[in-house]
Amino acid sequence: MIINNNILLGFSLGLILIFIGLLFKIAAAPLHNWAPDVYADSATIITTWLTIMPKISILLVLFEIQTHINLIENINIILELNNIINNNTLSFNNSYLWSKNLLLISSLLSLLIGTILGLAQTKIKRLLAYSTISHVGFILLALAINSEQSIEALIFYIIQYTITNLNTFLIIILFGYIIKNSFRDLIQSIMVEDETGTENDINYISELKGQFFLNPVLSITLTICLFSMAGIPPLIGFFSKQFVLYSAIQNGYYFMSIIAIIVSIISASYYLKIIKILFTEEENTSEYSDKELKIINNLNSNSEIEISSTNSFIISTLTLSILLFVLKPSILLNSTTILSLSLFNF
């Protein structure tokens, strides 16, 4: 069947627009500009939803489109090899090269922009927004390769991204609840005008200063999540990046692999910045009067803000899955392998 080139061009243009719209939705660079502002100005619980659920569903849609595009390419390659079609008939091979190139370009820009711009952030949710953009770069790299191994890496990366990000934002919500409801924050709000958008949200990284000495368990838990995001072994985040990089090297994407390794090293610095602030003791007690300091010390020593057992259980479970994955990886890896084989060969 002869198909007019104009129809092929229009069909390809329509798919390109669909791809661009979906990349915009997951805040992939260079369509990322909306994400830091929305994340920073929304309530933390809303940001938690935005950073996880829409991305998972849209990435699955992108995976389906990319898989069917590659399926059409493979069918046409077989037909051409058997001389069933000729140069004037329907051949999608050159028409669909843009899909892989578009994903690779977006992946490269997401890795670079998410890392470089994240270094200059002072607001914690803006920093995590750029961190998310960098993680999207890894996911798009695995999606662009589109081999059995890369799809397994893609599924595993999405799982660990969901676990780590959910745990991180839950801990930040708890920190905000604890800090904003303490009497210390009340005194600060009397002396300095509060700039936060919502009552119990943490806006600035500096608000976490010295929290290890007040909430050691939550601080250590947040540190584990940040180390996992940075790809520090033997946490689950290290293995997710390793799988993506291994599949990229196996398929000849050496330049992208080198860039991904470099940005992973650089991005670790802004995670370490948060950890440093957590473990830095506050030294600005001179701004309070002696009477205020006595009240603060009495409240810190005699009163505690209780955390619900449900929140404690969720955070503990997620943290242990991040920390202890290395002891029994086969539970998750076998599932991702079976799922990737079923999806890739469907």
C-alpha atoms as a PDB file:
ATOM      1  CA  MET A   1       0.000   0.000   0.000  1.00  0.00           C
ATOM      2  CA  ILE A   2       1.451   3.335  -1.079  1.00  0.00           C
ATOM      3  CA  ILE A   3       1.265   6.089   1.494  1.00  0.00           C
ATOM      4  CA  ASN A   4       1.767   9.741   0.633  1.00  0.00           C
ATOM      5  CA  ASN A   5       4.844  11.283   2.277  1.00  0.00           C
ATOM      6  CA  ASN A   6       2.689  14.169   3.509  1.00  0.00           C
ATOM      7  CA  ILE A   7       0.609  11.716   5.542  1.00  0.00           C
ATOM      8  CA  LEU A   8       3.760  10.228   7.067  1.00  0.00           C
ATOM      9  CA  LEU A   9       5.048  13.713   7.854  1.00  0.00           C
ATOM     10  CA  GLY A  10       1.771  14.716   9.506  1.00  0.00           C
ATOM     11  CA  PHE A  11       1.657  11.491  11.491  1.00  0.00           C
ATOM     12  CA  SER A  12       5.233  11.972  12.704  1.00  0.00           C
ATOM     13  CA  LEU A  13       4.531  15.610  13.608  1.00  0.00           C
ATOM     14  CA  GLY A  14       1.494  14.550  15.645  1.00  0.00           C
ATOM     15  CA  LEU A  15       3.555  12.010  17.595  1.00  0.00           C
ATOM     16  CA  ILE A  16       6.280  14.583  18.202  1.00  0.00           C
ATOM     17  CA  LEU A  17       3.715  16.965  19.710  1.00  0.00           C
ATOM     18  CA  ILE A  18       2.383  14.152  21.916  1.00  0.00           C
ATOM     19  CA  PHE A  19       5.929  13.369  23.090  1.00  0.00           C
ATOM     20  CA  ILE A  20       6.626  17.039  23.848  1.00  0.00           C
ATOM     21  CA  GLY A  21       3.383  17.340  25.817  1.00  0.00           C
ATOM     22  CA  LEU A  22       4.188  14.262  27.896  1.00  0.00           C
ATOM     23  CA  LEU A  23       7.775  15.431  28.517  1.00  0.00           C
ATOM     24  CA  PHE A  24       6.346  18.754  29.708  1.00  0.00           C
ATOM     25  CA  LYS A  25       4.105  16.910  32.160  1.00  0.00           C
ATOM     26  CA  ILE A  26       7.036  15.045  33.768  1.00  0.00           C
ATOM     27  CA  ALA A  27       9.122  18.258  33.931  1.00  0.00           C
ATOM     28  CA  ALA A  28      11.838  16.928  31.629  1.00  0.00           C
ATOM     29  CA  ALA A  29      14.300  19.577  30.433  1.00  0.00           C
ATOM     30  CA  PRO A  30      14.046  21.889  28.566  1.00  0.00           C
ATOM     31  CA  LEU A  31      10.326  21.871  29.509  1.00  0.00           C
ATOM     32  CA  HIS A  32      11.033  21.958  33.242  1.00  0.00           C
ATOM     33  CA  ASN A  33      10.613  25.650  34.115  1.00  0.00           C
ATOM     34  CA  TRP A  34       7.224  25.251  35.785  1.00  0.00           C
ATOM     35  CA  ALA A  35       8.275  22.507  38.223  1.00  0.00           C
ATOM     36  CA  PRO A  36      10.549  24.357  40.726  1.00  0.00           C
ATOM     37  CA  ASP A  37       8.051  27.199  41.195  1.00  0.00           C
ATOM     38  CA  VAL A  38       5.057  24.873  41.554  1.00  0.00           C
ATOM     39  CA  TYR A  39       6.895  22.568  43.972  1.00  0.00           C
ATOM     40  CA  ALA A  40       8.161  25.458  46.109  1.00  0.00           C
ATOM     41  CA  ASP A  41       4.826  27.324  46.369  1.00  0.00           C
ATOM     42  CA  SER A  42       2.568  24.304  46.887  1.00  0.00           C
ATOM     43  CA  ALA A  43       1.863  22.616  50.200  1.00  0.00           C
ATOM     44  CA  THR A  44       4.353  19.817  50.813  1.00  0.00           C
ATOM     45  CA  ILE A  45       1.664  17.136  50.719  1.00  0.00           C
ATOM     46  CA  ILE A  46       0.628  18.376  47.248  1.00  0.00           C
ATOM     47  CA  THR A  47       4.259  18.441  46.129  1.00  0.00           C
ATOM     48  CA  THR A  48       4.608  14.832  47.277  1.00  0.00           C
ATOM     49  CA  TRP A  49       1.759  13.822  44.988  1.00  0.00           C
ATOM     50  CA  LEU A  50       3.071  15.893  42.047  1.00  0.00           C
ATOM     51  CA  THR A  51       6.566  14.448  42.228  1.00  0.00           C
ATOM     52  CA  ILE A  52       5.449  10.796  42.177  1.00  0.00           C
ATOM     53  CA  MET A  53       2.031   9.820  40.822  1.00  0.00           C
ATOM     54  CA  PRO A  54       1.769  11.852  37.563  1.00  0.00           C
ATOM     55  CA  LYS A  55       5.325  10.934  36.595  1.00  0.00           C
ATOM     56  CA  ILE A  56       4.745   7.193  36.987  1.00  0.00           C
ATOM     57  CA  SER A  57       1.612   7.196  34.819  1.00  0.00           C
ATOM     58  CA  ILE A  58       3.085   9.448  32.111  1.00  0.00           C
ATOM     59  CA  LEU A  59       6.333   7.465  31.966  1.00  0.00           C
ATOM     60  CA  LEU A  60       4.293   4.315  31.398  1.00  0.00           C
ATOM     61  CA  VAL A  61       2.455   6.038  28.532  1.00  0.00           C
ATOM     62  CA  LEU A  62       5.799   7.098  27.026  1.00  0.00           C
ATOM     63  CA  PHE A  63       7.030   3.532  27.385  1.00  0.00           C
ATOM     64  CA  GLU A  64       3.986   2.172  25.546  1.00  0.00           C
ATOM     65  CA  ILE A  65       4.372   4.656  22.681  1.00  0.00           C
ATOM     66  CA  GLN A  66       8.111   4.034  22.361  1.00  0.00           C
ATOM     67  CA  THR A  67       7.626   0.260  22.450  1.00  0.00           C
ATOM     68  CA  HIS A  68       5.021   0.320  19.669  1.00  0.00           C
ATOM     69  CA  ILE A  69       7.177   2.644  17.571  1.00  0.00           C
ATOM     70  CA  ASN A  70      10.116   0.237  17.850  1.00  0.00           C
ATOM     71  CA  LEU A  71       7.798  -2.670  17.045  1.00  0.00           C
ATOM     72  CA  ILE A  72       6.745  -0.991  13.785  1.00  0.00           C
ATOM     73  CA  GLU A  73      10.407  -0.297  12.963  1.00  0.00           C
ATOM     74  CA  ASN A  74      11.377  -3.927  13.522  1.00  0.00           C
ATOM     75  CA  ILE A  75       8.498  -5.189  11.355  1.00  0.00           C
ATOM     76  CA  ASN A  76       9.525  -2.902   8.505  1.00  0.00           C
ATOM     77  CA  ILE A  77      13.164  -3.931   8.777  1.00  0.00           C
ATOM     78  CA  ILE A  78      12.107  -7.578   8.358  1.00  0.00           C
ATOM     79  CA  LEU A  79       9.889  -6.672   5.396  1.00  0.00           C
ATOM     80  CA  GLU A  80      12.684  -4.727   3.714  1.00  0.00           C
ATOM     81  CA  LEU A  81      15.165  -7.564   4.196  1.00  0.00           C
ATOM     82  CA  ASN A  82      12.706  -9.924   2.502  1.00  0.00           C
ATOM     83  CA  ASN A  83      12.052  -7.428  -0.319  1.00  0.00           C
ATOM     84  CA  ILE A  84       8.361  -7.381   0.548  1.00  0.00           C
ATOM     85  CA  ILE A  85       8.372  -3.582   0.520  1.00  0.00           C
ATOM     86  CA  ASN A  86      10.472  -1.154  -1.469  1.00  0.00           C
ATOM     87  CA  ASN A  87      11.668   2.392  -1.011  1.00  0.00           C
ATOM     88  CA  ASN A  88       8.373   3.887  -2.172  1.00  0.00           C
ATOM     89  CA  THR A  89       6.187   1.930   0.217  1.00  0.00           C
ATOM     90  CA  LEU A  90       5.456   2.398   3.852  1.00  0.00           C
ATOM     91  CA  SER A  91       8.781   2.442   5.731  1.00  0.00           C
ATOM     92  CA  PHE A  92       8.749   3.964   9.163  1.00  0.00           C
ATOM     93  CA  ASN A  93      12.422   3.443   9.986  1.00  0.00           C
ATOM     94  CA  ASN A  94      13.683   6.960   9.192  1.00  0.00           C
ATOM     95  CA  SER A  95      10.407   8.565  10.238  1.00  0.00           C
ATOM     96  CA  TYR A  96      10.715   7.321  13.804  1.00  0.00           C
ATOM     97  CA  LEU A  97      14.397   7.979  14.474  1.00  0.00           C
ATOM     98  CA  TRP A  98      13.272  11.255  16.076  1.00  0.00           C
ATOM     99  CA  SER A  99      11.650   9.448  19.011  1.00  0.00           C
ATOM    100  CA  LYS A 100      14.900   8.028  20.353  1.00  0.00           C
ATOM    101  CA  ASN A 101      16.809  11.221  19.579  1.00  0.00           C
ATOM    102  CA  LEU A 102      14.155  13.335  21.325  1.00  0.00           C
ATOM    103  CA  LEU A 103      14.365  11.192  24.457  1.00  0.00           C
ATOM    104  CA  LEU A 104      18.180  11.256  24.433  1.00  0.00           C
ATOM    105  CA  ILE A 105      18.319  15.047  24.045  1.00  0.00           C
ATOM    106  CA  SER A 106      15.781  15.524  26.830  1.00  0.00           C
ATOM    107  CA  SER A 107      17.687  13.051  29.004  1.00  0.00           C
ATOM    108  CA  LEU A 108      20.974  14.890  28.472  1.00  0.00           C
ATOM    109  CA  LEU A 109      19.470  18.313  29.222  1.00  0.00           C
ATOM    110  CA  SER A 110      17.622  16.975  32.279  1.00  0.00           C
ATOM    111  CA  LEU A 111      20.825  15.512  33.715  1.00  0.00           C
ATOM    112  CA  LEU A 112      22.777  18.740  33.185  1.00  0.00           C
ATOM    113  CA  ILE A 113      20.108  21.291  34.131  1.00  0.00           C
ATOM    114  CA  GLY A 114      18.802  19.345  37.128  1.00  0.00           C
ATOM    115  CA  THR A 115      22.314  19.070  38.535  1.00  0.00           C
ATOM    116  CA  ILE A 116      23.780  22.491  37.747  1.00  0.00           C
ATOM    117  CA  LEU A 117      20.780  24.614  38.750  1.00  0.00           C
ATOM    118  CA  GLY A 118      20.203  22.502  41.858  1.00  0.00           C
ATOM    119  CA  LEU A 119      23.544  23.631  43.260  1.00  0.00           C
ATOM    120  CA  ALA A 120      22.346  27.213  43.746  1.00  0.00           C
ATOM    121  CA  GLN A 121      19.089  26.458  45.586  1.00  0.00           C
ATOM    122  CA  THR A 122      18.380  27.543  49.162  1.00  0.00           C
ATOM    123  CA  LYS A 123      14.753  26.352  49.303  1.00  0.00           C
ATOM    124  CA  ILE A 124      14.446  22.656  49.987  1.00  0.00           C
ATOM    125  CA  LYS A 125      11.462  21.957  47.723  1.00  0.00           C
ATOM    126  CA  ARG A 126      13.060  23.810  44.805  1.00  0.00           C
ATOM    127  CA  LEU A 127      16.206  21.749  45.351  1.00  0.00           C
ATOM    128  CA  LEU A 128      14.195  18.524  45.338  1.00  0.00           C
ATOM    129  CA  ALA A 129      12.442  19.704  42.162  1.00  0.00           C
ATOM    130  CA  TYR A 130      15.793  19.980  40.371  1.00  0.00           C
ATOM    131  CA  SER A 131      16.776  16.637  41.900  1.00  0.00           C
ATOM    132  CA  THR A 132      13.641  15.140  40.347  1.00  0.00           C
ATOM    133  CA  ILE A 133      14.564  16.611  36.950  1.00  0.00           C
ATOM    134  CA  SER A 134      17.968  14.936  37.204  1.00  0.00           C
ATOM    135  CA  HIS A 135      16.337  11.592  38.067  1.00  0.00           C
ATOM    136  CA  VAL A 136      14.001  11.985  35.091  1.00  0.00           C
ATOM    137  CA  GLY A 137      17.146  12.208  32.953  1.00  0.00           C
ATOM    138  CA  PHE A 138      18.204   8.723  34.087  1.00  0.00           C
ATOM    139  CA  ILE A 139      14.716   7.350  33.450  1.00  0.00           C
ATOM    140  CA  LEU A 140      14.533   8.834  29.932  1.00  0.00           C
ATOM    141  CA  LEU A 141      17.970   7.389  29.137  1.00  0.00           C
ATOM    142  CA  ALA A 142      16.727   3.889  29.993  1.00  0.00           C
ATOM    143  CA  LEU A 143      13.545   4.529  28.009  1.00  0.00           C
ATOM    144  CA  ALA A 144      15.464   5.697  24.935  1.00  0.00           C
ATOM    145  CA  ILE A 145      17.650   2.566  24.868  1.00  0.00           C
ATOM    146  CA  ASN A 146      14.537   0.367  24.936  1.00  0.00           C
ATOM    147  CA  SER A 147      16.195  -3.039  25.313  1.00  0.00           C
ATOM    148  CA  GLU A 148      15.137  -5.811  27.682  1.00  0.00           C
ATOM    149  CA  GLN A 149      17.914  -4.839  30.073  1.00  0.00           C
ATOM    150  CA  SER A 150      17.126  -1.116  29.952  1.00  0.00           C
ATOM    151  CA  ILE A 151      13.406  -1.708  30.517  1.00  0.00           C
ATOM    152  CA  GLU A 152      14.268  -3.744  33.611  1.00  0.00           C
ATOM    153  CA  ALA A 153      16.476  -0.852  34.761  1.00  0.00           C
ATOM    154  CA  LEU A 154      13.630   1.579  33.989  1.00  0.00           C
ATOM    155  CA  ILE A 155      11.104  -0.334  36.104  1.00  0.00           C
ATOM    156  CA  PHE A 156      13.573  -0.724  38.968  1.00  0.00           C
ATOM    157  CA  TYR A 157      14.485   2.974  38.846  1.00  0.00           C
ATOM    158  CA  ILE A 158      10.833   4.028  38.976  1.00  0.00           C
ATOM    159  CA  ILE A 159      10.254   1.770  42.008  1.00  0.00           C
ATOM    160  CA  GLN A 160      13.242   3.085  43.956  1.00  0.00           C
ATOM    161  CA  TYR A 161      12.462   6.678  42.918  1.00  0.00           C
ATOM    162  CA  THR A 162       8.941   6.297  44.291  1.00  0.00           C
ATOM    163  CA  ILE A 163      10.113   4.764  47.571  1.00  0.00           C
ATOM    164  CA  THR A 164      12.897   7.284  48.176  1.00  0.00           C
ATOM    165  CA  ASN A 165      10.982  10.412  47.180  1.00  0.00           C
ATOM    166  CA  LEU A 166       7.877   9.416  49.136  1.00  0.00           C
ATOM    167  CA  ASN A 167       9.955   8.771  52.252  1.00  0.00           C
ATOM    168  CA  THR A 168      11.881  12.041  51.844  1.00  0.00           C
ATOM    169  CA  PHE A 169       8.763  14.180  51.540  1.00  0.00           C
ATOM    170  CA  LEU A 170       7.024  12.399  54.425  1.00  0.00           C
ATOM    171  CA  ILE A 171      10.033  13.162  56.641  1.00  0.00           C
ATOM    172  CA  ILE A 172      10.044  16.804  55.520  1.00  0.00           C
ATOM    173  CA  ILE A 173       6.333  17.051  56.335  1.00  0.00           C
ATOM    174  CA  LEU A 174       7.036  15.692  59.818  1.00  0.00           C
ATOM    175  CA  PHE A 175       9.959  18.057  60.298  1.00  0.00           C
ATOM    176  CA  GLY A 176       7.724  20.953  59.320  1.00  0.00           C
ATOM    177  CA  TYR A 177       5.058  19.850  61.770  1.00  0.00           C
ATOM    178  CA  ILE A 178       7.594  19.515  64.581  1.00  0.00           C
ATOM    179  CA  ILE A 179       9.496  22.738  63.909  1.00  0.00           C
ATOM    180  CA  LYS A 180       6.522  24.956  63.154  1.00  0.00           C
ATOM    181  CA  ASN A 181       4.630  23.785  66.235  1.00  0.00           C
ATOM    182  CA  SER A 182       7.533  24.263  68.636  1.00  0.00           C
ATOM    183  CA  PHE A 183       7.712  27.276  70.916  1.00  0.00           C
ATOM    184  CA  ARG A 184      11.054  28.187  69.415  1.00  0.00           C
ATOM    185  CA  ASP A 185       9.361  28.914  66.096  1.00  0.00           C
ATOM    186  CA  LEU A 186       6.747  30.996  67.921  1.00  0.00           C
ATOM    187  CA  ILE A 187       9.467  33.239  69.360  1.00  0.00           C
ATOM    188  CA  GLN A 188      11.143  33.517  65.962  1.00  0.00           C
ATOM    189  CA  SER A 189       7.844  34.432  64.302  1.00  0.00           C
ATOM    190  CA  ILE A 190       7.359  37.206  66.854  1.00  0.00           C
ATOM    191  CA  MET A 191      10.822  38.692  66.233  1.00  0.00           C
ATOM    192  CA  VAL A 192      11.087  37.987  62.489  1.00  0.00           C
ATOM    193  CA  GLU A 193       8.246  38.010  59.995  1.00  0.00           C
ATOM    194  CA  ASP A 194       7.529  34.516  58.689  1.00  0.00           C
ATOM    195  CA  GLU A 195       7.825  34.124  54.903  1.00  0.00           C
ATOM    196  CA  THR A 196       6.494  30.609  54.582  1.00  0.00           C
ATOM    197  CA  GLY A 197       3.589  29.952  52.272  1.00  0.00           C
ATOM    198  CA  THR A 198       1.772  27.453  54.466  1.00  0.00           C
ATOM    199  CA  GLU A 199       1.660  27.156  58.193  1.00  0.00           C
ATOM    200  CA  ASN A 200       3.485  23.855  58.775  1.00  0.00           C
ATOM    201  CA  ASP A 201       5.745  23.679  55.709  1.00  0.00           C
ATOM    202  CA  ILE A 202       9.514  23.970  55.643  1.00  0.00           C
ATOM    203  CA  ASN A 203      10.670  26.348  52.919  1.00  0.00           C
ATOM    204  CA  TYR A 204      14.365  26.908  53.487  1.00  0.00           C
ATOM    205  CA  ILE A 205      17.093  24.323  53.987  1.00  0.00           C
ATOM    206  CA  SER A 206      18.442  26.415  56.876  1.00  0.00           C
ATOM    207  CA  GLU A 207      15.292  25.650  58.888  1.00  0.00           C
ATOM    208  CA  LEU A 208      16.636  22.106  59.351  1.00  0.00           C
ATOM    209  CA  LYS A 209      19.768  23.369  61.095  1.00  0.00           C
ATOM    210  CA  GLY A 210      20.692  21.356  64.174  1.00  0.00           C
ATOM    211  CA  GLN A 211      17.728  18.987  63.911  1.00  0.00           C
ATOM    212  CA  PHE A 212      19.968  15.983  64.543  1.00  0.00           C
ATOM    213  CA  PHE A 213      20.402  17.149  68.140  1.00  0.00           C
ATOM    214  CA  LEU A 214      16.626  17.511  68.602  1.00  0.00           C
ATOM    215  CA  ASN A 215      15.269  14.702  66.364  1.00  0.00           C
ATOM    216  CA  PRO A 216      18.119  12.245  65.748  1.00  0.00           C
ATOM    217  CA  VAL A 217      16.007   9.390  64.365  1.00  0.00           C
ATOM    218  CA  LEU A 218      14.237  11.526  61.759  1.00  0.00           C
ATOM    219  CA  SER A 219      17.529  13.196  60.826  1.00  0.00           C
ATOM    220  CA  ILE A 220      19.295   9.874  60.272  1.00  0.00           C
ATOM    221  CA  THR A 221      16.319   8.610  58.258  1.00  0.00           C
ATOM    222  CA  LEU A 222      16.410  11.699  56.019  1.00  0.00           C
ATOM    223  CA  THR A 223      20.178  11.268  55.649  1.00  0.00           C
ATOM    224  CA  ILE A 224      19.682   7.689  54.409  1.00  0.00           C
ATOM    225  CA  CYS A 225      17.161   8.910  51.812  1.00  0.00           C
ATOM    226  CA  LEU A 226      19.495  11.666  50.613  1.00  0.00           C
ATOM    227  CA  PHE A 227      22.438   9.258  50.364  1.00  0.00           C
ATOM    228  CA  SER A 228      20.227   6.939  48.306  1.00  0.00           C
ATOM    229  CA  MET A 229      19.267   9.806  45.964  1.00  0.00           C
ATOM    230  CA  ALA A 230      22.954  10.610  45.555  1.00  0.00           C
ATOM    231  CA  GLY A 231      23.669   6.989  44.589  1.00  0.00           C
ATOM    232  CA  ILE A 232      25.847   6.069  47.574  1.00  0.00           C
ATOM    233  CA  PRO A 233      26.372   2.282  47.944  1.00  0.00           C
ATOM    234  CA  PRO A 234      24.998   0.011  49.304  1.00  0.00           C
ATOM    235  CA  LEU A 235      21.655   1.839  49.251  1.00  0.00           C
ATOM    236  CA  ILE A 236      18.963   1.093  46.675  1.00  0.00           C
ATOM    237  CA  GLY A 237      19.567   4.343  44.758  1.00  0.00           C
ATOM    238  CA  PHE A 238      23.093   3.218  43.881  1.00  0.00           C
ATOM    239  CA  PHE A 239      21.856   0.026  42.230  1.00  0.00           C
ATOM    240  CA  SER A 240      19.168   1.832  40.211  1.00  0.00           C
ATOM    241  CA  LYS A 241      21.766   4.155  38.674  1.00  0.00           C
ATOM    242  CA  GLN A 242      24.149   1.255  38.175  1.00  0.00           C
ATOM    243  CA  PHE A 243      21.547  -0.720  36.194  1.00  0.00           C
ATOM    244  CA  VAL A 244      20.754   2.245  33.924  1.00  0.00           C
ATOM    245  CA  LEU A 245      24.440   2.979  33.307  1.00  0.00           C
ATOM    246  CA  TYR A 246      25.239  -0.688  32.678  1.00  0.00           C
ATOM    247  CA  SER A 247      22.465  -0.992  30.082  1.00  0.00           C
ATOM    248  CA  ALA A 248      23.649   2.250  28.441  1.00  0.00           C
ATOM    249  CA  ILE A 249      27.249   1.015  28.188  1.00  0.00           C
ATOM    250  CA  GLN A 250      26.126  -2.391  26.893  1.00  0.00           C
ATOM    251  CA  ASN A 251      24.208  -0.678  24.080  1.00  0.00           C
ATOM    252  CA  GLY A 252      27.024   1.707  23.142  1.00  0.00           C
ATOM    253  CA  TYR A 253      25.795   4.945  24.758  1.00  0.00           C
ATOM    254  CA  TYR A 254      29.235   5.831  26.141  1.00  0.00           C
ATOM    255  CA  PHE A 255      28.874   9.619  26.004  1.00  0.00           C
ATOM    256  CA  MET A 256      25.563   9.576  27.886  1.00  0.00           C
ATOM    257  CA  SER A 257      27.059   7.193  30.459  1.00  0.00           C
ATOM    258  CA  ILE A 258      30.020   9.500  31.108  1.00  0.00           C
ATOM    259  CA  ILE A 259      27.721  12.534  31.488  1.00  0.00           C
ATOM    260  CA  ALA A 260      25.435  10.593  33.867  1.00  0.00           C
ATOM    261  CA  ILE A 261      28.372   9.546  36.045  1.00  0.00           C
ATOM    262  CA  ILE A 262      29.737  13.104  36.214  1.00  0.00           C
ATOM    263  CA  VAL A 263      26.388  14.686  37.122  1.00  0.00           C
ATOM    264  CA  SER A 264      25.803  12.002  39.768  1.00  0.00           C
ATOM    265  CA  ILE A 265      29.055  12.995  41.454  1.00  0.00           C
ATOM    266  CA  ILE A 266      28.231  16.710  41.234  1.00  0.00           C
ATOM    267  CA  SER A 267      24.644  16.310  42.451  1.00  0.00           C
ATOM    268  CA  ALA A 268      25.875  14.547  45.590  1.00  0.00           C
ATOM    269  CA  SER A 269      27.150  17.935  46.793  1.00  0.00           C
ATOM    270  CA  TYR A 270      23.689  19.471  47.246  1.00  0.00           C
ATOM    271  CA  TYR A 271      22.448  16.396  49.085  1.00  0.00           C
ATOM    272  CA  LEU A 272      25.481  16.663  51.351  1.00  0.00           C
ATOM    273  CA  LYS A 273      24.631  20.329  51.914  1.00  0.00           C
ATOM    274  CA  ILE A 274      21.311  19.327  53.495  1.00  0.00           C
ATOM    275  CA  ILE A 275      23.017  16.638  55.595  1.00  0.00           C
ATOM    276  CA  LYS A 276      25.641  19.129  56.786  1.00  0.00           C
ATOM    277  CA  ILE A 277      22.917  21.537  57.947  1.00  0.00           C
ATOM    278  CA  LEU A 278      21.086  18.719  59.746  1.00  0.00           C
ATOM    279  CA  PHE A 279      24.190  17.830  61.731  1.00  0.00           C
ATOM    280  CA  THR A 280      25.318  21.408  62.423  1.00  0.00           C
ATOM    281  CA  GLU A 281      24.542  22.632  65.924  1.00  0.00           C
ATOM    282  CA  GLU A 282      22.819  25.987  66.221  1.00  0.00           C
ATOM    283  CA  GLU A 283      24.992  28.782  67.523  1.00  0.00           C
ATOM    284  CA  ASN A 284      22.672  31.779  67.233  1.00  0.00           C
ATOM    285  CA  THR A 285      21.235  31.633  70.734  1.00  0.00           C
ATOM    286  CA  SER A 286      22.517  35.161  71.416  1.00  0.00           C
ATOM    287  CA  GLU A 287      19.497  36.630  69.651  1.00  0.00           C
ATOM    288  CA  TYR A 288      17.233  35.460  72.524  1.00  0.00           C
ATOM    289  CA  SER A 289      17.022  36.943  75.963  1.00  0.00           C
ATOM    290  CA  ASP A 290      17.896  34.877  79.053  1.00  0.00           C
ATOM    291  CA  LYS A 291      14.219  34.478  79.911  1.00  0.00           C
ATOM    292  CA  GLU A 292      13.387  33.231  76.406  1.00  0.00           C
ATOM    293  CA  LEU A 293      16.299  30.762  76.497  1.00  0.00           C
ATOM    294  CA  LYS A 294      15.065  29.299  79.788  1.00  0.00           C
ATOM    295  CA  ILE A 295      11.587  28.806  78.316  1.00  0.00           C
ATOM    296  CA  ILE A 296      13.029  27.158  75.187  1.00  0.00           C
ATOM    297  CA  ASN A 297      15.284  24.820  77.151  1.00  0.00           C
ATOM    298  CA  ASN A 298      12.436  23.776  79.450  1.00  0.00           C
ATOM    299  CA  LEU A 299      10.138  23.066  76.513  1.00  0.00           C
ATOM    300  CA  ASN A 300      12.827  21.146  74.605  1.00  0.00           C
ATOM    301  CA  SER A 301      13.578  18.965  77.595  1.00  0.00           C
ATOM    302  CA  ASN A 302      10.081  18.456  78.977  1.00  0.00           C
ATOM    303  CA  SER A 303       7.765  18.347  75.950  1.00  0.00           C
ATOM    304  CA  GLU A 304       7.686  16.271  72.816  1.00  0.00           C
ATOM    305  CA  ILE A 305       5.459  16.409  69.762  1.00  0.00           C
ATOM    306  CA  GLU A 306       4.076  12.945  69.194  1.00  0.00           C
ATOM    307  CA  ILE A 307       4.241  11.281  65.772  1.00  0.00           C
ATOM    308  CA  SER A 308       1.403   8.921  64.910  1.00  0.00           C
ATOM    309  CA  SER A 309       2.145   5.210  64.780  1.00  0.00           C
ATOM    310  CA  THR A 310       0.954   5.096  61.157  1.00  0.00           C
ATOM    311  CA  ASN A 311       3.494   7.696  60.059  1.00  0.00           C
ATOM    312  CA  SER A 312       6.224   5.969  62.045  1.00  0.00           C
ATOM    313  CA  PHE A 313       5.404   2.598  60.467  1.00  0.00           C
ATOM    314  CA  ILE A 314       5.354   3.968  56.898  1.00  0.00           C
ATOM    315  CA  ILE A 315       8.643   5.852  57.285  1.00  0.00           C
ATOM    316  CA  SER A 316      10.313   2.900  59.023  1.00  0.00           C
ATOM    317  CA  THR A 317       9.206   0.461  56.320  1.00  0.00           C
ATOM    318  CA  LEU A 318      10.353   2.694  53.470  1.00  0.00           C
ATOM    319  CA  THR A 319      13.683   3.416  55.167  1.00  0.00           C
ATOM    320  CA  LEU A 320      14.392  -0.252  55.817  1.00  0.00           C
ATOM    321  CA  SER A 321      13.591  -1.095  52.186  1.00  0.00           C
ATOM    322  CA  ILE A 322      16.151   1.518  51.100  1.00  0.00           C
ATOM    323  CA  LEU A 323      18.762   0.413  53.610  1.00  0.00           C
ATOM    324  CA  LEU A 324      18.389  -3.381  53.541  1.00  0.00           C
ATOM    325  CA  PHE A 325      17.759  -3.941  49.824  1.00  0.00           C
ATOM    326  CA  VAL A 326      21.342  -5.135  49.406  1.00  0.00           C
ATOM    327  CA  LEU A 327      20.761  -8.052  51.795  1.00  0.00           C
ATOM    328  CA  LYS A 328      17.954  -9.631  49.740  1.00  0.00           C
ATOM    329  CA  PRO A 329      17.866  -7.997  46.278  1.00  0.00           C
ATOM    330  CA  SER A 330      16.364 -11.020  44.523  1.00  0.00           C
ATOM    331  CA  ILE A 331      12.875 -10.259  45.876  1.00  0.00           C
ATOM    332  CA  LEU A 332      12.590  -7.043  43.878  1.00  0.00           C
ATOM    333  CA  LEU A 333      14.956  -7.883  41.011  1.00  0.00           C
ATOM    334  CA  ASN A 334      13.125 -11.096  40.093  1.00  0.00           C
ATOM    335  CA  SER A 335       9.854  -9.188  39.933  1.00  0.00           C
ATOM    336  CA  THR A 336      11.302  -6.432  37.725  1.00  0.00           C
ATOM    337  CA  THR A 337      12.916  -9.017  35.428  1.00  0.00           C
ATOM    338  CA  ILE A 338       9.653 -10.893  34.919  1.00  0.00           C
ATOM    339  CA  LEU A 339       7.732  -7.654  34.400  1.00  0.00           C
ATOM    340  CA  SER A 340      10.251  -6.279  31.907  1.00  0.00           C
ATOM    341  CA  LEU A 341      10.266  -9.500  29.889  1.00  0.00           C
ATOM    342  CA  SER A 342       6.478  -9.586  29.776  1.00  0.00           C
ATOM    343  CA  LEU A 343       6.243  -5.938  28.742  1.00  0.00           C
ATOM    344  CA  PHE A 344       9.089  -6.037  26.213  1.00  0.00           C
ATOM    345  CA  ASN A 345       7.913  -9.233  24.524  1.00  0.00           C
ATOM    346  CA  PHE A 346       4.190  -8.435  24.645  1.00  0.00           C
END
